[in-house]
Amino acid sequence: MLAGVDRKAMAALSTGHLATDVAQGALPALLPYLKDEYGLSYTMTAALVLCSTVASSVIQPLFGFWSDARGALWLLPSGVVLSGLGMALVGVAPSYPLVALAVLVSGIGVAAFHPEGSKFASYASGAKRASGMSLFSIGGNVGFGLGPLFAAASLGALGLHGTLLLVVPGVVVGVALVSLIPYLARFAPDHRVERARPREPSDSRGMTLLLAVVGLRSLAHMGLFAFIPLWEVSNGASKTHGTAMLTVFLIAGAIGTIFGGSLADRFGLRRILILSFVVSVPLTLTYVLVGGALGTVALALDGAAVIGTFGLTIVMSQQYMPARVAMASGLSIGLAIGLGGVAATALGAIADTIDLRTALLLTAAGPALCAVLTLRLPPVRRARLSEPAASTI
């Protein structure tokens, strides 16, 4: 039992996170099909990841600002629905530019959901912020893991038009979230109490260093996210096998998230972050250079190490900006997604000019630099718990 974590609220938020990221997680499974359909280069293929990530990263802090200033629970169901709708249209778009536009729409949905979702996950976590945020992050990580499988099954049944099925999880979960808005609203702080308290200052140095860590981590995360299926296909494997390997990476990340939050609550956020980055480097190299069964094991452990830290960095961002938790979450998640898309596109260009193997090897540089920067992160303050507007069940 996680003291202080409201399980009903966290289940709703985590499920919304799952449905949102099912759509986003489906994209890399679609890339080999889109590459063949439109005769795309690696750079143009990776640019679709950039479309998704830039849309969500640029807009996400703006949604966070709106949420902190006025509150915006309506962003939860609308973001879930929009993310699925945009990705559903990818397979029926008649041209590459319209495919990119559909991906952009899905990215806006992702941007709408995350700041509000992470803010209320923080409210519903009580004193166990790292554990609670890890539960919230598990939903997204599982969604990323299920997205490729759902996409592969849909494409196998209906071809590219099978992407239309990707709207179903978003609509179902979006309707459920609408019905739960009154319950979730009870966790919002009493603004009369909040205004009476002095505003806690932000740690700008800590936040800047943390955003650098988050951005560099994305070099590994989004690079592997975009290119695992393409790497497997280039080595003679089937597209289905490539999707399965991506799922191994993402599901292992969800498992890593479960343990990451508990370990961070016990041993400290920075210690667990550093450990994850240190082990990620040899694991990435083993996957690319060795391959086979050992490479698959290394890929799974790498997913647990890299993806498992997402909830931890969200908590740290909120503690560095205690008065603007939605904005902090938007910056942390949005920057991770946005810089990851830029990195994926740059790696795509390297794959075109040199080879895909070199591009994947370069992803190991991200965690190596992250480990160094994490050592310089200032200690985080223990977050003050906001008082809800009403008692919760």
Protein backbone atom coordinates (compact mmCIF):
# COMPACT_ATOMS: atom_id res chain seq x y z
CA MET A 1 0.00 0.00 0.00
CA LEU A 2 1.39 3.40 -0.97
CA ALA A 3 0.51 5.75 1.88
CA GLY A 4 -0.94 8.98 0.62
CA VAL A 5 -1.63 7.86 -2.96
CA ASP A 6 -5.29 7.91 -3.96
CA ARG A 7 -5.60 4.81 -6.11
CA LYS A 8 -8.88 5.73 -7.83
CA ALA A 9 -7.53 9.07 -9.00
CA MET A 10 -4.19 7.58 -9.98
CA ALA A 11 -5.86 4.75 -11.90
CA ALA A 12 -7.91 7.28 -13.89
CA LEU A 13 -4.90 9.48 -14.63
CA SER A 14 -2.64 6.55 -15.48
CA THR A 15 -5.26 5.08 -17.82
CA GLY A 16 -5.60 8.44 -19.55
CA HIS A 17 -1.82 8.54 -19.87
CA LEU A 18 -1.89 5.03 -21.34
CA ALA A 19 -4.51 5.89 -23.98
CA THR A 20 -2.69 9.09 -24.95
CA ASP A 21 0.62 7.34 -25.42
CA VAL A 22 -0.85 4.33 -27.25
CA ALA A 23 -1.32 6.73 -30.15
CA GLN A 24 2.13 8.24 -29.85
CA GLY A 25 3.73 4.81 -29.34
CA ALA A 26 2.12 3.53 -32.54
CA LEU A 27 4.12 5.93 -34.72
CA PRO A 28 7.45 4.03 -34.95
CA ALA A 29 5.58 0.84 -35.89
CA LEU A 30 4.00 2.79 -38.76
CA LEU A 31 7.30 4.19 -40.03
CA PRO A 32 8.49 1.14 -42.03
CA TYR A 33 5.09 0.99 -43.78
CA LEU A 34 5.06 4.73 -44.47
CA LYS A 35 8.65 4.57 -45.70
CA ASP A 36 7.67 1.94 -48.28
CA GLU A 37 4.36 3.61 -49.17
CA TYR A 38 5.91 7.01 -49.97
CA GLY A 39 9.51 5.98 -50.80
CA LEU A 40 10.90 8.04 -47.91
CA SER A 41 14.53 8.47 -46.91
CA TYR A 42 15.59 7.85 -43.31
CA THR A 43 15.61 11.61 -42.77
CA MET A 44 12.06 12.08 -44.07
CA THR A 45 10.89 9.08 -42.05
CA ALA A 46 12.43 10.46 -38.86
CA ALA A 47 10.93 13.87 -39.65
CA LEU A 48 7.51 12.39 -38.85
CA VAL A 49 8.78 11.73 -35.33
CA LEU A 50 9.92 15.35 -35.27
CA CYS A 51 6.43 16.52 -36.31
CA SER A 52 4.90 14.64 -33.40
CA THR A 53 7.46 15.73 -30.85
CA VAL A 54 7.76 19.38 -31.83
CA ALA A 55 3.98 19.83 -31.76
CA SER A 56 3.78 18.48 -28.23
CA SER A 57 6.97 20.05 -26.89
CA VAL A 58 6.41 23.59 -28.15
CA ILE A 59 2.78 23.75 -27.05
CA GLN A 60 2.97 21.68 -23.87
CA PRO A 61 4.49 24.40 -21.62
CA LEU A 62 1.75 26.76 -22.83
CA PHE A 63 -0.90 24.29 -21.70
CA GLY A 64 1.01 24.05 -18.41
CA PHE A 65 0.95 27.83 -18.01
CA TRP A 66 -2.81 27.88 -18.65
CA SER A 67 -3.32 25.05 -16.17
CA ASP A 68 -1.37 26.77 -13.39
CA ALA A 69 -3.16 30.08 -13.96
CA ARG A 70 -6.76 28.95 -14.40
CA GLY A 71 -7.06 25.18 -14.02
CA ALA A 72 -8.03 23.08 -17.03
CA LEU A 73 -9.32 19.62 -16.20
CA TRP A 74 -11.05 19.55 -19.59
CA LEU A 75 -7.60 19.08 -21.11
CA LEU A 76 -7.51 15.50 -19.83
CA PRO A 77 -10.35 14.00 -21.96
CA SER A 78 -9.82 16.33 -24.93
CA GLY A 79 -6.09 15.57 -25.07
CA VAL A 80 -6.68 11.82 -25.00
CA VAL A 81 -9.24 11.96 -27.82
CA LEU A 82 -7.19 14.30 -30.02
CA SER A 83 -4.01 12.21 -29.75
CA GLY A 84 -5.85 9.12 -30.97
CA LEU A 85 -7.77 10.96 -33.69
CA GLY A 86 -4.65 12.46 -35.24
CA MET A 87 -2.79 9.15 -35.37
CA ALA A 88 -5.89 7.40 -36.74
CA LEU A 89 -5.80 9.69 -39.78
CA VAL A 90 -2.15 8.92 -40.61
CA GLY A 91 -2.98 5.76 -42.54
CA VAL A 92 -5.74 7.34 -44.65
CA ALA A 93 -3.97 10.61 -45.49
CA PRO A 94 -3.39 10.72 -49.28
CA SER A 95 0.02 12.41 -49.24
CA TYR A 96 3.16 12.78 -47.14
CA PRO A 97 2.39 16.41 -46.12
CA LEU A 98 -1.06 15.38 -44.89
CA VAL A 99 0.47 12.45 -43.01
CA ALA A 100 2.75 14.97 -41.30
CA LEU A 101 -0.26 17.18 -40.51
CA ALA A 102 -2.12 14.27 -38.92
CA VAL A 103 0.93 13.48 -36.81
CA LEU A 104 1.02 17.14 -35.73
CA VAL A 105 -2.61 16.97 -34.61
CA SER A 106 -1.86 13.90 -32.52
CA GLY A 107 1.10 15.72 -30.98
CA ILE A 108 -1.14 18.60 -29.91
CA GLY A 109 -3.36 16.10 -28.09
CA VAL A 110 -0.32 14.73 -26.29
CA ALA A 111 0.67 18.28 -25.32
CA ALA A 112 -2.79 19.00 -23.92
CA PHE A 113 -2.97 15.95 -21.67
CA HIS A 114 0.42 15.76 -19.98
CA PRO A 115 0.76 18.96 -17.88
CA GLU A 116 -2.72 18.67 -16.40
CA GLY A 117 -2.36 14.92 -15.91
CA SER A 118 1.00 15.17 -14.14
CA LYS A 119 -0.22 18.07 -11.98
CA PHE A 120 -3.18 16.10 -10.65
CA ALA A 121 -1.00 13.00 -10.28
CA SER A 122 1.16 15.10 -7.99
CA TYR A 123 -1.88 16.26 -6.01
CA ALA A 124 -3.15 12.68 -5.64
CA SER A 125 0.25 11.27 -4.57
CA GLY A 126 0.34 12.65 -1.04
CA ALA A 127 3.78 12.35 0.53
CA LYS A 128 4.95 9.62 -1.86
CA ARG A 129 5.63 11.91 -4.80
CA ALA A 130 8.18 9.69 -6.61
CA SER A 131 6.11 6.54 -6.17
CA GLY A 132 2.90 8.29 -7.18
CA MET A 133 4.44 9.91 -10.22
CA SER A 134 5.92 6.57 -11.22
CA LEU A 135 2.43 5.07 -11.15
CA PHE A 136 1.28 7.87 -13.43
CA SER A 137 4.28 7.32 -15.71
CA ILE A 138 3.64 3.59 -15.89
CA GLY A 139 0.45 4.30 -17.80
CA GLY A 140 2.35 6.24 -20.45
CA ASN A 141 5.12 3.66 -20.66
CA VAL A 142 2.65 0.80 -21.04
CA GLY A 143 0.83 2.86 -23.66
CA PHE A 144 4.04 3.32 -25.59
CA GLY A 145 4.62 -0.42 -25.34
CA LEU A 146 1.13 -1.40 -26.45
CA GLY A 147 1.01 1.20 -29.22
CA PRO A 148 3.29 -0.70 -31.62
CA LEU A 149 1.45 -3.99 -30.97
CA PHE A 150 -1.95 -2.38 -31.50
CA ALA A 151 -0.70 -0.68 -34.66
CA ALA A 152 0.85 -3.89 -36.00
CA ALA A 153 -2.34 -5.86 -35.40
CA SER A 154 -4.45 -3.15 -37.02
CA LEU A 155 -2.16 -2.88 -40.03
CA GLY A 156 -2.05 -6.64 -40.39
CA ALA A 157 -5.84 -6.80 -40.51
CA LEU A 158 -6.68 -3.74 -42.62
CA GLY A 159 -3.43 -2.43 -44.11
CA LEU A 160 -2.59 1.23 -43.60
CA HIS A 161 -6.30 2.01 -43.18
CA GLY A 162 -6.08 0.00 -39.96
CA THR A 163 -4.74 3.11 -38.25
CA LEU A 164 -8.38 4.21 -37.97
CA LEU A 165 -8.70 1.80 -35.06
CA LEU A 166 -6.22 3.91 -33.09
CA VAL A 167 -8.99 6.39 -32.29
CA VAL A 168 -10.92 3.79 -30.26
CA PRO A 169 -8.83 3.81 -27.02
CA GLY A 170 -8.82 7.60 -26.96
CA VAL A 171 -12.59 7.91 -27.33
CA VAL A 172 -13.37 5.22 -24.75
CA VAL A 173 -10.98 6.60 -22.13
CA GLY A 174 -11.90 10.20 -22.95
CA VAL A 175 -15.56 9.52 -22.16
CA ALA A 176 -14.57 7.81 -18.89
CA LEU A 177 -12.44 10.80 -17.88
CA VAL A 178 -15.32 13.19 -18.49
CA SER A 179 -17.38 11.25 -15.94
CA LEU A 180 -14.51 11.34 -13.42
CA ILE A 181 -13.78 15.08 -13.63
CA PRO A 182 -15.85 15.90 -10.50
CA TYR A 183 -13.88 13.34 -8.48
CA LEU A 184 -10.51 14.54 -9.74
CA ALA A 185 -11.47 18.17 -9.11
CA ARG A 186 -11.59 17.44 -5.39
CA PHE A 187 -7.80 17.12 -5.34
CA ALA A 188 -7.23 20.66 -6.58
CA PRO A 189 -5.75 22.88 -3.85
CA ASP A 190 -7.94 25.38 -2.07
CA HIS A 191 -6.86 28.56 -3.85
CA ARG A 192 -7.80 30.71 -0.86
CA VAL A 193 -5.29 28.82 1.26
CA GLU A 194 -2.71 28.87 -1.52
CA ARG A 195 -2.96 32.64 -1.99
CA ALA A 196 -2.48 33.18 1.75
CA ARG A 197 0.84 31.35 1.69
CA PRO A 198 4.08 32.93 0.46
CA ARG A 199 5.00 31.79 -3.04
CA GLU A 200 7.93 29.38 -2.95
CA PRO A 201 10.77 30.49 -5.24
CA SER A 202 11.94 28.42 -8.20
CA ASP A 203 15.45 27.01 -8.39
CA SER A 204 16.40 28.28 -11.85
CA ARG A 205 19.87 26.71 -11.83
CA GLY A 206 18.52 23.31 -10.83
CA MET A 207 15.74 23.48 -13.41
CA THR A 208 18.14 24.48 -16.19
CA LEU A 209 20.50 21.59 -15.42
CA LEU A 210 17.58 19.18 -15.14
CA LEU A 211 16.23 20.23 -18.53
CA ALA A 212 19.70 19.60 -20.00
CA VAL A 213 19.63 16.11 -18.48
CA VAL A 214 16.13 15.49 -19.83
CA GLY A 215 17.11 16.65 -23.31
CA LEU A 216 20.22 14.47 -23.45
CA ARG A 217 18.32 11.46 -22.17
CA SER A 218 16.02 11.90 -25.14
CA LEU A 219 18.92 11.27 -27.49
CA ALA A 220 18.91 7.67 -26.29
CA HIS A 221 15.18 7.28 -25.72
CA MET A 222 13.79 8.79 -28.92
CA GLY A 223 16.69 7.59 -31.05
CA LEU A 224 16.00 3.97 -30.09
CA PHE A 225 12.24 4.58 -30.15
CA ALA A 226 12.40 5.71 -33.79
CA PHE A 227 15.01 3.32 -35.15
CA ILE A 228 14.67 -0.05 -33.39
CA PRO A 229 12.12 -1.34 -35.98
CA LEU A 230 14.17 0.05 -38.88
CA TRP A 231 17.39 -1.42 -37.44
CA GLU A 232 15.85 -4.88 -37.13
CA VAL A 233 14.48 -4.72 -40.68
CA SER A 234 17.88 -3.57 -42.03
CA ASN A 235 19.41 -6.68 -40.44
CA GLY A 236 17.03 -8.95 -42.32
CA ALA A 237 14.28 -9.34 -39.72
CA SER A 238 10.60 -8.89 -40.48
CA LYS A 239 8.66 -5.74 -39.70
CA THR A 240 6.70 -7.74 -37.13
CA HIS A 241 9.93 -8.71 -35.39
CA GLY A 242 11.02 -5.07 -35.38
CA THR A 243 7.76 -4.10 -33.72
CA ALA A 244 8.21 -6.86 -31.13
CA MET A 245 11.70 -5.61 -30.26
CA LEU A 246 10.40 -2.08 -29.84
CA THR A 247 7.71 -3.44 -27.52
CA VAL A 248 10.39 -5.22 -25.46
CA PHE A 249 12.20 -1.90 -25.03
CA LEU A 250 9.04 0.03 -24.07
CA ILE A 251 7.42 -2.54 -21.78
CA ALA A 252 10.73 -2.98 -19.96
CA GLY A 253 10.64 0.79 -19.48
CA ALA A 254 7.25 0.47 -17.78
CA ILE A 255 8.63 -2.20 -15.46
CA GLY A 256 11.63 -0.02 -14.70
CA THR A 257 9.28 2.82 -13.79
CA ILE A 258 7.62 0.66 -11.13
CA PHE A 259 10.89 0.07 -9.32
CA GLY A 260 12.38 3.50 -10.05
CA GLY A 261 9.84 5.44 -8.00
CA SER A 262 10.11 3.18 -4.94
CA LEU A 263 13.90 3.20 -5.07
CA ALA A 264 13.98 6.99 -5.43
CA ASP A 265 11.69 7.46 -2.41
CA ARG A 266 14.07 5.27 -0.42
CA PHE A 267 17.55 6.18 -1.70
CA GLY A 268 17.07 9.59 -3.30
CA LEU A 269 16.22 10.88 -6.76
CA ARG A 270 19.73 11.81 -7.88
CA ARG A 271 21.31 8.49 -6.90
CA ILE A 272 18.82 6.47 -8.92
CA LEU A 273 19.12 8.82 -11.90
CA ILE A 274 22.91 8.52 -11.97
CA LEU A 275 22.78 4.73 -11.66
CA SER A 276 20.32 4.44 -14.54
CA PHE A 277 22.45 6.61 -16.84
CA VAL A 278 25.69 4.80 -16.02
CA VAL A 279 24.28 1.34 -16.85
CA SER A 280 22.50 2.54 -19.99
CA VAL A 281 25.69 3.22 -21.97
CA PRO A 282 27.08 -0.37 -22.10
CA LEU A 283 23.59 -1.76 -22.58
CA THR A 284 23.01 0.33 -25.71
CA LEU A 285 26.38 -0.67 -27.13
CA THR A 286 25.67 -4.35 -26.44
CA TYR A 287 22.35 -4.20 -28.28
CA VAL A 288 23.87 -2.62 -31.39
CA LEU A 289 27.26 -4.36 -31.51
CA VAL A 290 26.44 -7.84 -30.19
CA GLY A 291 22.79 -8.42 -31.02
CA GLY A 292 21.18 -11.83 -30.75
CA ALA A 293 19.72 -13.06 -27.48
CA LEU A 294 22.24 -11.06 -25.44
CA GLY A 295 21.35 -7.95 -27.41
CA THR A 296 17.65 -8.48 -26.69
CA VAL A 297 18.34 -8.77 -22.96
CA ALA A 298 20.50 -5.64 -23.10
CA LEU A 299 17.75 -3.76 -24.96
CA ALA A 300 15.19 -4.69 -22.30
CA LEU A 301 17.47 -3.58 -19.46
CA ASP A 302 18.27 -0.40 -21.38
CA GLY A 303 14.57 0.39 -21.64
CA ALA A 304 14.16 -0.11 -17.90
CA ALA A 305 17.14 2.18 -17.20
CA VAL A 306 16.30 5.02 -19.60
CA ILE A 307 12.50 5.11 -19.63
CA GLY A 308 12.18 4.20 -15.96
CA THR A 309 13.51 7.63 -14.93
CA PHE A 310 10.76 9.74 -16.54
CA GLY A 311 8.62 9.92 -13.41
CA LEU A 312 11.67 10.89 -11.35
CA THR A 313 12.56 13.87 -13.53
CA ILE A 314 8.96 15.08 -13.46
CA VAL A 315 9.05 15.04 -9.65
CA MET A 316 12.36 16.91 -9.62
CA SER A 317 11.04 19.54 -12.02
CA GLN A 318 8.00 20.11 -9.81
CA GLN A 319 10.23 20.48 -6.76
CA TYR A 320 12.49 22.96 -8.55
CA MET A 321 9.36 24.96 -9.53
CA PRO A 322 6.98 24.32 -6.59
CA ALA A 323 4.64 27.21 -7.40
CA ARG A 324 4.15 26.15 -11.04
CA VAL A 325 3.92 22.36 -11.08
CA ALA A 326 2.00 22.11 -14.38
CA MET A 327 4.45 24.45 -16.12
CA ALA A 328 7.35 22.43 -14.66
CA SER A 329 5.81 19.20 -15.93
CA GLY A 330 5.17 20.73 -19.34
CA LEU A 331 8.78 21.83 -19.62
CA SER A 332 10.15 18.51 -18.40
CA ILE A 333 7.95 16.26 -20.54
CA GLY A 334 7.73 18.64 -23.49
CA LEU A 335 11.47 19.20 -23.70
CA ALA A 336 12.10 15.48 -23.49
CA ILE A 337 9.73 14.84 -26.38
CA GLY A 338 10.79 17.86 -28.44
CA LEU A 339 14.54 17.44 -28.24
CA GLY A 340 14.06 13.73 -28.78
CA GLY A 341 12.36 14.47 -32.08
CA VAL A 342 15.18 16.78 -33.12
CA ALA A 343 17.69 14.10 -32.13
CA ALA A 344 15.81 11.43 -34.08
CA THR A 345 15.84 13.59 -37.21
CA ALA A 346 19.56 14.33 -36.82
CA LEU A 347 20.23 10.62 -36.34
CA GLY A 348 18.18 9.94 -39.47
CA ALA A 349 20.47 12.27 -41.42
CA ILE A 350 23.51 10.43 -40.03
CA ALA A 351 21.94 7.12 -41.04
CA ASP A 352 21.49 8.45 -44.60
CA THR A 353 25.02 9.86 -44.90
CA ILE A 354 26.95 7.18 -42.98
CA ASP A 355 24.82 4.23 -41.85
CA LEU A 356 22.12 3.32 -39.36
CA ARG A 357 24.58 1.45 -37.12
CA THR A 358 26.58 4.61 -36.51
CA ALA A 359 23.42 6.57 -35.73
CA LEU A 360 22.35 4.01 -33.12
CA LEU A 361 25.79 3.91 -31.52
CA LEU A 362 25.64 7.67 -31.05
CA THR A 363 22.55 7.31 -28.87
CA ALA A 364 24.82 6.04 -26.07
CA ALA A 365 26.38 9.51 -25.78
CA GLY A 366 23.19 10.91 -24.25
CA PRO A 367 23.17 8.87 -21.00
CA ALA A 368 26.94 9.31 -20.63
CA LEU A 369 26.56 13.09 -20.59
CA CYS A 370 23.46 12.81 -18.40
CA ALA A 371 25.42 11.01 -15.69
CA VAL A 372 27.95 13.87 -15.55
CA LEU A 373 25.29 16.60 -15.40
CA THR A 374 23.20 14.78 -12.80
CA LEU A 375 26.16 14.96 -10.40
CA ARG A 376 25.81 18.75 -10.56
CA LEU A 377 22.09 18.90 -9.84
CA PRO A 378 21.36 20.76 -6.59
CA PRO A 379 19.42 18.86 -3.91
CA VAL A 380 15.67 19.10 -4.31
CA ARG A 381 13.47 20.49 -1.56
CA ARG A 382 10.83 18.26 -0.04
CA ALA A 383 7.65 19.45 -1.69
CA ARG A 384 5.02 21.12 0.47
CA LEU A 385 1.76 19.28 0.13
CA SER A 386 -1.12 21.44 -1.08
CA GLU A 387 -4.40 21.27 0.77
CA PRO A 388 -7.29 19.99 -1.34
CA ALA A 389 -10.38 22.01 -1.77
CA ALA A 390 -12.39 19.22 -0.13
CA SER A 391 -11.66 15.99 1.68
CA THR A 392 -11.08 12.95 -0.50
CA ILE A 393 -12.38 9.43 -0.16
